[in-house]
Amino acid sequence: MKIIKAHLPNNILSYTILYIIVISSLHLILLFNELMFRNWVYIITIFIVIFGFFIGIIQQILKIKKQKLKCVLLSIFIIMSSIISLYIFPFLQTNDLFKSEYVVNVDGKKYITHEKGFFNTYILYYDYINVFVSGSQVRMEKDGKGNFDPINNKLDYEFEYK
């Protein structure tokens, strides 16, 4: 146990893997209870995991004692991560995670809205639970009639749907 406590603070990769295990466990618990994380939690998780793996692998490479091997591995890793990032970041931008999410009031009840579609836009309403969690079951589906922006007032983040 003392060996683990001595090496864990110096290993960012271990913390990243531990974070993935915790978030995955919480996601499964929420899934069994018909709940899901809000989009911003997934976005932050993606960036924490990407940067955690990147910094953790660089940290492991820098621990190598042979200078020549360290330089070669570090340059290979930086070149490979640059090539991989050309494919990862466009995928993340086209993913549904980065779509707008709004908190709206419909008949006195709070919902989270998500857009579905491009030309034929539909608005999906999910139960609002709290800042971190929303319901996973679609409660209502409405026609968006083009672009959907339920926020008429930029300062007030609630919209009364009639």
Foldseek 3Di string as FASTA:
>chain_A
DVVCVVCVVLALLVVLVVVVVVVVVVQVVQVVVQKHWALVVVVVNVVSNVVSVVVRVLSVLVVDPDPVSSVVVVVVSVVVVVVVCVVPVVVVVPDQSPFDWAWEAEPNFTWIWGWDDAAFIKIFTWHDDDNTMTGNDGPDIGTCNHDHDQCPDPVDRYHYDD
